[in-house]
C-alpha cells in the first residue's frame, strides 16, 4: 500500500550533489526530501570514493615518510612496520564521522531523509521502496513534488570479458579495502583513480603496473604536467605499459594472467589483483528514466539538460555525474546549488571555466582553466610562465622540490586562461588560481599580489612574473 506525501523538491541521491542541493533548498524555505538507497548518506564520494581514498593516501604517505625520509631530517624511528588493519580502521572512522555529519546537517535543516530505492513514477511523482529499519521490504511510499532532482552519481565501467569478481578482478571499492598488501597490483587505466590507488599500494610495498591505451597518463592534464607526473611516479617505482591494450584475462590459481597487445607484439602480465579503472558511467539503472522518455546522449548515456539543469521533462532536473562534464564532487555540489536556485526562481549558474581538478598523488597535481594544448587548438595567442618548486625556499626547507607552476595568459589582454601545478600543496594552491579566473584577473594581478615568504605559493607568483616577459616583449 502506498502513502502520498507532498514536497517542493525531491532529491534522489545524497552524495555531494544531492545533500548540498537539499541544504540549499531548505535555506530557500522549500520543503525537501532526500532519498538514499545505501545505509549511509554521502554517496560514492564519502563512502567509497574521494574520502576513503584520501584517508588512505594520507596514511600511506605518513608510512612512506617514516620509512624513507624522516632520517634525512635527523629523526630516528627505528624499524617501521605497517598495521594495515589499523590504517583501514582509521579510514572507516573518517567515513563514519563525515557521513554522520551529513545526516546531522540535513536533519538540522529539517530535510526529510528517506531510506529506500527510488523510481520515477511520473513527472511529479517518485515511488520509494523502503529500506528503513523495521519497515517491511517492498513497502512503497509515493511522494509528489513540484520538482525532482536526480543526483544518483556514477559507477565503474567494466571491461568486456573482464567482469568484476570482487577478489581477483576488482573495482575501486575493493581496492580501498584490501585485507593485505598485494604482491603485484595491476591497474588497467592511467587516470586519476588508478594513479591515486596505485600510489597508496606502492607506498605500502606493492609492485604496481599501470596499463594504459594512450601515450600519456591522466590525459585531461596539461601535457607538460602529465609527462612530468609520469616521470616522477616512474622514479617512485610505478611501472607503466603505455599504448597497450588489454585483450583478455583469466584467473589461474592465485594470479590473474592478463593478455596485452603492445606496439611490439602480444605479451602476458601476471598480477593479483587486477584493478579495472577505465572510467565511470552514470548510474541511472532502475530510475525509470526510459519510461518517462528523459533524453540522454547517444554517445555517453548521460542525461541532457539545459542551463537550468532541467531535462526535457520540465519538472525533472539532473546534476553531477549524470550530466556532461568531468565527474568531480565539487562540480556536483555547485550544480546542486545552481539547480535549486533555478527551481526557486533565482539566477543559479556554474562557471565551468573555473572548475578545478586535482590528483592526490605525491606530489599533488592541480589545474584550472585551459591547458596549453587547448589554447593552441583554439588558436588563442598566449604566453606561458613557469617556475620550479626547486627555487622556492619553503619547498627547499621541506625537501619537496619536485614539480613546477605553469601560468597561461592571453598574449594581448594578459587575462589568465589556465594554471597548472605539480608539486607540494598543489591541491590548496589552486584555489587562488580558480579565484583569479573567476574574477577575470590578469597574470600581472597575481604577480603584483604580495605572497607570504617563505611559502609554496611564491612559486605561483614567480610563474606569473615570468608570463610578463612574454606579454611585454611578445609580438
Protein backbone atom coordinates (compact mmCIF):
# COMPACT_ATOMS: atom_id res chain seq x y z
CA UNK A 1 0.00 0.00 0.00
CA UNK A 2 1.39 3.39 -0.97
CA UNK A 3 1.15 6.58 1.04
CA UNK A 4 1.18 10.03 -0.56
CA UNK A 5 3.39 12.86 0.65
CA UNK A 6 3.95 16.27 -0.96
CA UNK A 7 7.17 18.27 -1.26
CA UNK A 8 8.51 21.27 -3.13
CA UNK A 9 11.67 19.37 -4.11
CA UNK A 10 12.57 15.68 -4.01
CA UNK A 11 16.26 14.83 -4.42
CA UNK A 12 17.27 11.29 -5.35
CA UNK A 13 20.78 10.65 -4.06
CA UNK A 14 22.64 12.02 -1.03
CA UNK A 15 26.15 12.45 -2.44
CA UNK A 16 27.94 15.83 -2.69
CA UNK A 17 25.42 16.95 -5.30
CA UNK A 18 22.31 15.67 -3.55
CA UNK A 19 22.93 16.63 0.06
CA UNK A 20 24.26 20.10 -0.85
CA UNK A 21 21.20 20.68 -3.05
CA UNK A 22 18.96 19.59 -0.18
CA UNK A 23 20.55 22.04 2.25
CA UNK A 24 20.34 24.91 -0.24
CA UNK A 25 16.68 24.12 -0.93
CA UNK A 26 15.93 24.16 2.79
CA UNK A 27 17.71 27.51 3.12
CA UNK A 28 15.34 28.84 0.43
CA UNK A 29 12.35 27.71 2.54
CA UNK A 30 11.42 24.81 0.28
CA UNK A 31 10.02 21.59 1.71
CA UNK A 32 12.62 18.95 0.82
CA UNK A 33 13.01 15.17 0.82
CA UNK A 34 16.32 13.43 0.13
CA UNK A 35 16.16 9.75 -0.84
CA UNK A 36 19.14 7.41 -0.36
CA UNK A 37 19.24 3.66 -1.07
CA UNK A 38 22.56 2.96 0.71
CA UNK A 39 22.82 2.51 4.50
CA UNK A 40 24.92 5.65 4.90
CA UNK A 41 24.46 9.11 3.43
CA UNK A 42 27.17 10.81 1.40
CA UNK A 43 27.12 8.83 -1.83
CA UNK A 44 30.13 7.37 -3.59
CA UNK A 45 32.39 10.29 -2.65
CA UNK A 46 32.14 9.97 1.10
CA UNK A 47 31.74 6.19 1.32
CA UNK A 48 33.79 4.55 -1.44
CA UNK A 49 35.48 7.36 -3.35
CA UNK A 50 37.05 10.72 -2.53
CA UNK A 51 37.14 10.47 1.25
CA UNK A 52 38.37 6.89 1.84
CA UNK A 53 40.94 7.21 -0.93
CA UNK A 54 42.32 10.45 0.53
CA UNK A 55 42.39 8.92 4.01
CA UNK A 56 44.50 6.03 2.68
CA UNK A 57 46.66 8.35 0.59
CA UNK A 58 47.49 10.42 3.67
CA UNK A 59 48.12 7.35 5.86
CA UNK A 60 50.32 5.70 3.24
CA UNK A 61 52.26 8.94 2.79
CA UNK A 62 52.95 9.08 6.54
CA UNK A 63 54.17 5.48 6.39
CA UNK A 64 56.43 6.28 3.46
CA UNK A 65 57.80 9.37 5.21
CA UNK A 66 58.55 7.43 8.39
CA UNK A 67 60.21 4.62 6.48
CA UNK A 68 62.15 6.56 3.85
CA UNK A 69 62.51 10.25 4.61
CA UNK A 70 62.45 11.17 8.30
CA UNK A 71 66.10 10.17 8.75
CA UNK A 72 67.09 12.99 6.38
CA UNK A 73 65.56 15.42 8.89
CA UNK A 74 67.55 13.90 11.73
CA UNK A 75 64.62 11.88 13.10
CA UNK A 76 65.48 8.30 14.03
CA UNK A 77 62.47 5.99 14.26
CA UNK A 78 63.98 2.51 14.29
CA UNK A 79 62.26 -0.25 12.39
CA UNK A 80 58.98 0.92 10.87
CA UNK A 81 56.19 -1.62 10.42
CA UNK A 82 52.73 -1.50 8.88
CA UNK A 83 49.47 -2.23 10.70
CA UNK A 84 47.11 -2.32 7.73
CA UNK A 85 44.09 -3.22 9.86
CA UNK A 86 44.61 -0.09 11.98
CA UNK A 87 45.03 2.02 8.83
CA UNK A 88 41.75 0.67 7.46
CA UNK A 89 40.02 1.22 10.80
CA UNK A 90 41.10 4.88 10.76
CA UNK A 91 39.73 5.23 7.24
CA UNK A 92 36.38 3.80 8.35
CA UNK A 93 36.30 6.19 11.31
CA UNK A 94 36.82 9.15 8.99
CA UNK A 95 34.00 7.95 6.74
CA UNK A 96 31.65 7.35 9.67
CA UNK A 97 32.29 10.78 11.17
CA UNK A 98 31.71 12.58 7.87
CA UNK A 99 28.58 10.64 6.91
CA UNK A 100 27.18 11.22 10.40
CA UNK A 101 27.89 14.93 9.90
CA UNK A 102 25.89 14.87 6.65
CA UNK A 103 22.92 13.32 8.48
CA UNK A 104 23.11 15.95 11.20
CA UNK A 105 23.39 18.68 8.57
CA UNK A 106 20.24 17.51 6.76
CA UNK A 107 18.31 16.94 9.97
CA UNK A 108 19.36 20.37 11.23
CA UNK A 109 17.83 21.91 8.10
CA UNK A 110 14.66 19.82 8.54
CA UNK A 111 15.22 17.82 5.35
CA UNK A 112 13.22 14.58 5.32
CA UNK A 113 15.71 11.72 4.89
CA UNK A 114 14.07 8.71 3.24
CA UNK A 115 15.87 5.36 3.11
CA UNK A 116 14.98 3.32 0.04
CA UNK A 117 15.25 2.74 -3.70
CA UNK A 118 13.57 5.47 -5.74
CA UNK A 119 11.87 5.18 -9.11
CA UNK A 120 10.26 7.92 -11.16
CA UNK A 121 6.54 7.17 -11.41
CA UNK A 122 5.66 10.34 -13.30
CA UNK A 123 6.85 13.89 -13.97
CA UNK A 124 5.98 14.88 -10.40
CA UNK A 125 5.95 11.57 -8.54
CA UNK A 126 8.54 9.24 -7.03
CA UNK A 127 7.88 5.78 -5.64
CA UNK A 128 10.24 4.61 -2.91
CA UNK A 129 10.68 1.00 -1.86
CA UNK A 130 11.52 1.28 1.80
CA UNK A 131 14.90 0.21 3.19
CA UNK A 132 14.28 1.69 6.62
CA UNK A 133 14.88 -0.46 9.69
CA UNK A 134 11.66 -2.02 10.92
CA UNK A 135 9.89 -1.41 7.60
CA UNK A 136 8.66 -4.35 5.58
CA UNK A 137 10.65 -4.88 2.37
CA UNK A 138 8.52 -3.87 -0.58
CA UNK A 139 6.57 -1.23 1.33
CA UNK A 140 6.05 1.65 -1.13
CA UNK A 141 5.90 5.35 -0.40
CA UNK A 142 4.52 7.60 -3.09
CA UNK A 143 6.00 11.09 -2.97
CA UNK A 144 4.92 14.09 -5.02
CA UNK A 145 6.88 17.25 -5.73
CA UNK A 146 6.87 20.32 -7.91
CA UNK A 147 10.49 19.50 -8.87
CA UNK A 148 12.63 16.37 -8.77
CA UNK A 149 16.45 16.44 -8.87
CA UNK A 150 18.31 13.31 -9.98
CA UNK A 151 21.69 13.07 -8.24
CA UNK A 152 22.48 9.35 -8.24
CA UNK A 153 26.13 9.59 -9.30
CA UNK A 154 28.14 7.01 -11.21
CA UNK A 155 29.68 3.54 -11.10
CA UNK A 156 32.89 1.96 -12.51
CA UNK A 157 32.84 0.86 -16.14
CA UNK A 158 33.66 -2.87 -16.53
CA UNK A 159 35.69 -4.10 -19.49
CA UNK A 160 34.20 -6.63 -21.90
CA UNK A 161 35.06 -10.19 -20.82
CA UNK A 162 36.61 -8.83 -17.59
CA UNK A 163 33.72 -8.98 -15.17
CA UNK A 164 34.37 -7.80 -11.62
CA UNK A 165 34.55 -10.76 -9.24
CA UNK A 166 35.37 -8.71 -6.14
CA UNK A 167 38.53 -10.68 -5.40
CA UNK A 168 40.87 -11.06 -8.36
CA UNK A 169 39.34 -8.59 -10.83
CA UNK A 170 38.22 -5.60 -8.84
CA UNK A 171 36.97 -2.04 -8.97
CA UNK A 172 37.91 0.95 -6.83
CA UNK A 173 35.60 -0.12 -3.99
CA UNK A 174 37.54 -3.35 -3.41
CA UNK A 175 40.90 -1.61 -3.91
CA UNK A 176 40.08 0.59 -0.90
CA UNK A 177 39.53 -2.46 1.30
CA UNK A 178 42.30 -4.98 0.59
CA UNK A 179 42.99 -7.15 3.66
CA UNK A 180 46.69 -7.34 2.83
CA UNK A 181 49.17 -5.51 0.63
CA UNK A 182 49.17 -7.08 -2.87
CA UNK A 183 52.43 -8.52 -4.13
CA UNK A 184 51.73 -7.14 -7.61
CA UNK A 185 48.78 -4.86 -8.31
CA UNK A 186 47.86 -4.50 -11.98
CA UNK A 187 45.86 -1.41 -12.91
CA UNK A 188 44.02 -1.03 -16.21
CA UNK A 189 43.71 2.71 -16.82
CA UNK A 190 46.09 5.58 -16.09
CA UNK A 191 43.53 8.14 -14.97
CA UNK A 192 43.07 9.90 -11.64
CA UNK A 193 41.61 6.95 -9.75
CA UNK A 194 44.14 4.40 -10.97
CA UNK A 195 47.12 6.65 -10.20
CA UNK A 196 45.86 7.54 -6.73
CA UNK A 197 45.09 3.95 -5.71
CA UNK A 198 48.33 2.79 -7.31
CA UNK A 199 50.20 5.35 -5.18
CA UNK A 200 48.57 4.04 -1.99
CA UNK A 201 49.61 0.44 -2.51
CA UNK A 202 53.01 1.31 -3.99
CA UNK A 203 53.91 3.21 -0.80
CA UNK A 204 52.73 0.29 1.31
CA UNK A 205 55.02 -2.13 -0.51
CA UNK A 206 53.21 -3.49 -3.56
CA UNK A 207 54.65 -3.72 -7.03
CA UNK A 208 52.33 -1.64 -9.25
CA UNK A 209 51.94 -1.85 -13.02
CA UNK A 210 49.70 0.62 -14.86
CA UNK A 211 48.37 -0.43 -18.28
CA UNK A 212 47.22 2.48 -20.43
CA UNK A 213 45.96 2.52 -24.04
CA UNK A 214 47.11 6.07 -24.71
CA UNK A 215 50.56 7.64 -24.85
CA UNK A 216 50.15 9.67 -21.64
CA UNK A 217 48.58 9.14 -18.24
CA UNK A 218 45.82 11.46 -16.98
CA UNK A 219 45.12 12.79 -20.46
CA UNK A 220 42.94 15.68 -19.27
CA UNK A 221 46.02 17.31 -17.73
CA UNK A 222 48.18 19.88 -19.43
CA UNK A 223 50.63 17.79 -21.45
CA UNK A 224 53.77 19.19 -19.81
CA UNK A 225 52.33 18.44 -16.36
CA UNK A 226 51.15 14.95 -17.34
CA UNK A 227 54.57 13.98 -18.67
CA UNK A 228 56.25 15.26 -15.51
CA UNK A 229 53.83 13.32 -13.30
CA UNK A 230 54.53 10.10 -15.15
CA UNK A 231 58.30 10.56 -14.82
CA UNK A 232 58.00 11.21 -11.09
CA UNK A 233 55.76 8.19 -10.47
CA UNK A 234 58.14 6.04 -12.50
CA UNK A 235 61.03 7.15 -10.30
CA UNK A 236 58.95 6.25 -7.26
CA UNK A 237 58.73 2.70 -8.59
CA UNK A 238 55.49 2.57 -10.57
CA UNK A 239 55.74 0.63 -13.85
CA UNK A 240 53.91 1.88 -16.93
CA UNK A 241 52.88 -0.05 -20.02
CA UNK A 242 51.77 2.72 -22.37
CA UNK A 243 49.88 2.38 -25.66
CA UNK A 244 48.92 -1.10 -24.52
CA UNK A 245 45.52 -2.78 -24.79
CA UNK A 246 44.12 -5.49 -22.55
CA UNK A 247 42.65 -8.19 -24.79
CA UNK A 248 41.63 -10.59 -22.05
CA UNK A 249 42.43 -12.03 -18.65
CA UNK A 250 41.87 -15.21 -16.72
CA UNK A 251 42.36 -16.23 -13.12
CA UNK A 252 44.89 -19.03 -12.70
CA UNK A 253 45.38 -20.13 -9.11
CA UNK A 254 46.29 -17.03 -7.14
CA UNK A 255 47.26 -14.98 -10.20
CA UNK A 256 45.48 -13.05 -12.91
CA UNK A 257 47.02 -13.64 -16.33
CA UNK A 258 46.43 -10.50 -18.37
CA UNK A 259 46.78 -10.65 -22.15
CA UNK A 260 48.28 -7.48 -23.57
CA UNK A 261 48.58 -6.09 -27.07
CA UNK A 262 51.55 -3.72 -27.31
CA UNK A 263 53.32 -1.91 -30.14
CA UNK A 264 55.97 -4.64 -30.07
CA UNK A 265 53.52 -7.54 -30.07
CA UNK A 266 51.48 -9.61 -27.64
CA UNK A 267 52.58 -10.41 -24.11
CA UNK A 268 51.19 -11.64 -20.79
CA UNK A 269 51.31 -9.91 -17.42
CA UNK A 270 50.87 -11.88 -14.22
CA UNK A 271 49.47 -9.97 -11.24
CA UNK A 272 46.93 -10.23 -8.46
CA UNK A 273 44.61 -8.47 -8.14
CA UNK A 274 43.78 -6.60 -11.34
CA UNK A 275 42.12 -3.22 -10.77
CA UNK A 276 39.87 -2.04 -13.61
CA UNK A 277 39.92 1.75 -13.62
CA UNK A 278 38.97 2.84 -17.12
CA UNK A 279 36.36 5.40 -16.14
CA UNK A 280 32.86 5.67 -14.74
CA UNK A 281 29.34 5.73 -16.17
CA UNK A 282 26.18 7.45 -14.99
CA UNK A 283 24.14 5.39 -12.55
CA UNK A 284 20.56 5.56 -13.83
CA UNK A 285 19.69 1.89 -13.56
CA UNK A 286 16.24 1.39 -12.02
CA UNK A 287 15.35 5.10 -12.00
CA UNK A 288 12.73 4.73 -14.72
CA UNK A 289 14.10 7.48 -16.97
CA UNK A 290 13.32 5.41 -20.09
CA UNK A 291 9.65 5.11 -19.18
CA UNK A 292 9.34 8.89 -18.93
CA UNK A 293 11.30 9.50 -22.13
CA UNK A 294 14.07 11.54 -20.49
CA UNK A 295 16.59 12.30 -23.21
CA UNK A 296 20.18 11.05 -22.94
CA UNK A 297 23.30 11.46 -25.04
CA UNK A 298 23.59 8.56 -27.51
CA UNK A 299 27.39 8.67 -27.18
CA UNK A 300 27.77 8.77 -23.38
CA UNK A 301 24.37 7.86 -21.97
CA UNK A 302 24.40 10.99 -19.81
CA UNK A 303 21.22 12.96 -19.30
CA UNK A 304 20.81 16.08 -21.42
CA UNK A 305 19.93 19.25 -19.50
CA UNK A 306 19.53 22.95 -20.23
CA UNK A 307 21.33 25.80 -18.47
CA UNK A 308 18.94 25.43 -15.52
CA UNK A 309 19.78 21.69 -15.22
CA UNK A 310 16.27 20.81 -16.39
CA UNK A 311 15.83 17.70 -18.53
CA UNK A 312 13.33 17.58 -21.38
CA UNK A 313 10.74 16.80 -18.69
CA UNK A 314 10.06 20.26 -17.26
CA UNK A 315 9.80 19.22 -13.60
CA UNK A 316 12.81 16.84 -13.58
CA UNK A 317 16.38 18.09 -13.14
CA UNK A 318 19.75 16.29 -13.15
CA UNK A 319 23.19 17.14 -11.80
CA UNK A 320 26.66 15.75 -11.16
CA UNK A 321 27.89 12.57 -12.81
CA UNK A 322 24.53 12.11 -14.55
CA UNK A 323 25.15 15.02 -16.92
CA UNK A 324 28.01 16.07 -19.25
CA UNK A 325 31.30 17.31 -17.82
CA UNK A 326 34.03 15.94 -15.56
CA UNK A 327 32.89 13.60 -12.79
CA UNK A 328 34.00 15.69 -9.82
CA UNK A 329 32.34 16.01 -6.42
CA UNK A 330 32.71 19.79 -6.29
CA UNK A 331 31.13 20.08 -9.76
CA UNK A 332 28.11 18.16 -8.47
CA UNK A 333 27.84 20.39 -5.39
CA UNK A 334 27.98 23.57 -7.47
CA UNK A 335 25.37 22.19 -9.86
CA UNK A 336 23.14 21.14 -6.97
CA UNK A 337 23.12 24.68 -5.62
CA UNK A 338 22.55 26.17 -9.08
CA UNK A 339 19.68 23.78 -9.90
CA UNK A 340 17.88 24.52 -6.63
CA UNK A 341 18.30 28.26 -7.11
CA UNK A 342 16.81 27.96 -10.60
CA UNK A 343 13.88 25.98 -9.17
CA UNK A 344 13.37 28.77 -6.63
CA UNK A 345 13.36 31.39 -9.39
CA UNK A 346 16.85 32.68 -8.67
CA UNK A 347 19.75 33.02 -11.17
CA UNK A 348 21.75 29.86 -10.44
CA UNK A 349 24.75 29.02 -12.63
CA UNK A 350 28.14 27.30 -12.67
CA UNK A 351 31.27 28.73 -14.30
CA UNK A 352 32.82 25.65 -15.91
CA UNK A 353 35.87 27.68 -16.97
CA UNK A 354 36.75 27.99 -13.28
CA UNK A 355 36.36 24.35 -12.29
CA UNK A 356 39.50 22.95 -10.61
CA UNK A 357 40.68 19.35 -10.87
CA UNK A 358 43.13 17.64 -8.52
CA UNK A 359 45.08 14.37 -8.49
CA UNK A 360 46.17 13.42 -4.96
CA UNK A 361 49.38 11.62 -5.83
CA UNK A 362 52.58 12.94 -4.27
CA UNK A 363 53.47 15.39 -5.47
CA UNK A 364 49.90 16.58 -5.97
CA UNK A 365 48.63 17.81 -9.32
CA UNK A 366 46.03 20.54 -9.74
CA UNK A 367 44.76 22.56 -12.65
CA UNK A 368 42.07 25.02 -13.67
CA UNK A 369 41.13 26.57 -16.98
CA UNK A 370 42.62 25.77 -20.38
CA UNK A 371 45.65 23.58 -20.98
CA UNK A 372 48.35 24.68 -23.41
CA UNK A 373 47.07 22.09 -25.89
CA UNK A 374 43.55 23.54 -25.71
CA UNK A 375 44.83 27.09 -26.17
CA UNK A 376 46.75 26.03 -29.28
CA UNK A 377 43.75 24.15 -30.65
CA UNK A 378 41.59 27.26 -30.29
CA UNK A 379 44.32 29.41 -31.87
CA UNK A 380 44.37 31.83 -28.95
CA UNK A 381 47.51 33.98 -28.76
CA UNK A 382 49.05 33.15 -25.42
CA UNK A 383 52.04 33.43 -23.12
CA UNK A 384 53.24 30.99 -20.50
CA UNK A 385 55.30 31.41 -17.39
CA UNK A 386 56.72 28.54 -15.36
CA UNK A 387 58.62 28.34 -12.11
CA UNK A 388 60.11 25.25 -10.42
CA UNK A 389 59.47 24.46 -6.77
CA UNK A 390 63.22 23.87 -6.52
CA UNK A 391 63.51 27.67 -6.49
CA UNK A 392 61.06 28.14 -3.60
CA UNK A 393 62.61 28.45 -0.15
CA UNK A 394 59.73 26.72 1.64
CA UNK A 395 59.95 23.75 -0.72
CA UNK A 396 63.68 23.51 -0.04
CA UNK A 397 63.07 23.55 3.73
CA UNK A 398 60.59 20.68 3.44
CA UNK A 399 62.71 18.74 0.97
CA UNK A 400 59.82 18.79 -1.53
CA UNK A 401 61.32 20.33 -4.64
CA UNK A 402 59.69 18.22 -7.37
CA UNK A 403 57.43 19.94 -9.88
CA UNK A 404 56.54 23.43 -11.07
CA UNK A 405 53.80 26.00 -11.55
CA UNK A 406 52.64 26.94 -15.04
CA UNK A 407 50.54 30.04 -15.78
CA UNK A 408 48.92 30.54 -19.20
CA UNK A 409 47.67 34.01 -20.08
CA UNK A 410 46.22 35.71 -23.16
CA UNK A 411 49.06 37.45 -25.00
CA UNK A 412 47.08 40.60 -25.79
CA UNK A 413 44.88 41.05 -22.71
CA UNK A 414 47.01 39.22 -20.10
CA UNK A 415 43.86 37.53 -18.77
CA UNK A 416 44.66 34.22 -17.03
CA UNK A 417 43.47 31.33 -19.20
CA UNK A 418 44.76 28.43 -17.13
CA UNK A 419 47.06 27.48 -14.26
CA UNK A 420 48.59 24.04 -13.81
CA UNK A 421 50.59 22.92 -10.78
CA UNK A 422 52.50 19.77 -9.99
CA UNK A 423 54.12 19.90 -6.60
CA UNK A 424 53.55 20.03 -2.84
CA UNK A 425 50.27 21.60 -1.67
CA UNK A 426 49.03 21.96 -5.26
CA UNK A 427 45.50 20.98 -4.16
CA UNK A 428 45.34 24.01 -1.86
CA UNK A 429 47.29 26.44 -4.05
CA UNK A 430 44.86 26.01 -6.95
CA UNK A 431 42.12 27.88 -5.05
CA UNK A 432 43.86 31.21 -5.65
CA UNK A 433 44.03 30.41 -9.35
CA UNK A 434 40.33 29.49 -9.51
CA UNK A 435 39.52 32.85 -7.94
CA UNK A 436 41.76 34.62 -10.45
CA UNK A 437 39.94 33.04 -13.39
CA UNK A 438 36.51 33.61 -11.78
CA UNK A 439 37.24 37.33 -11.49
CA UNK A 440 38.96 37.67 -14.88
CA UNK A 441 42.34 38.52 -13.38
CA UNK A 442 45.48 39.01 -15.42
CA UNK A 443 48.82 37.36 -14.73
CA UNK A 444 50.05 40.78 -13.62
CA UNK A 445 47.41 40.80 -10.87
CA UNK A 446 48.87 37.58 -9.46
CA UNK A 447 52.43 38.82 -9.96
CA UNK A 448 51.72 42.05 -8.05
CA UNK A 449 49.85 40.30 -5.22
CA UNK A 450 52.16 40.01 -2.22
CA UNK A 451 52.59 36.37 -1.19
CA UNK A 452 53.93 35.39 2.20
CA UNK A 453 57.55 34.30 2.48
CA UNK A 454 58.57 31.57 2.59
CA UNK A 455 55.56 29.74 1.11
CA UNK A 456 54.86 27.35 -1.72
CA UNK A 457 52.54 29.98 -3.21
CA UNK A 458 55.56 32.15 -4.04
CA UNK A 459 56.17 29.75 -6.93
CA UNK A 460 52.81 30.84 -8.37
CA UNK A 461 53.79 34.50 -8.06
CA UNK A 462 57.12 33.81 -9.77
CA UNK A 463 55.40 31.92 -12.62
CA UNK A 464 53.04 34.86 -13.10
CA UNK A 465 56.03 37.22 -13.20
CA UNK A 466 57.58 35.01 -15.89
CA UNK A 467 54.46 35.50 -18.05
CA UNK A 468 55.11 39.23 -18.07
CA UNK A 469 58.33 38.80 -20.03
CA UNK A 470 56.35 37.24 -22.85
CA UNK A 471 53.37 39.60 -22.75
CA UNK A 472 55.61 42.71 -22.64
CA UNK A 473 58.02 41.68 -25.36
CA UNK A 474 55.90 39.30 -27.40
CA UNK A 475 54.62 40.38 -30.77
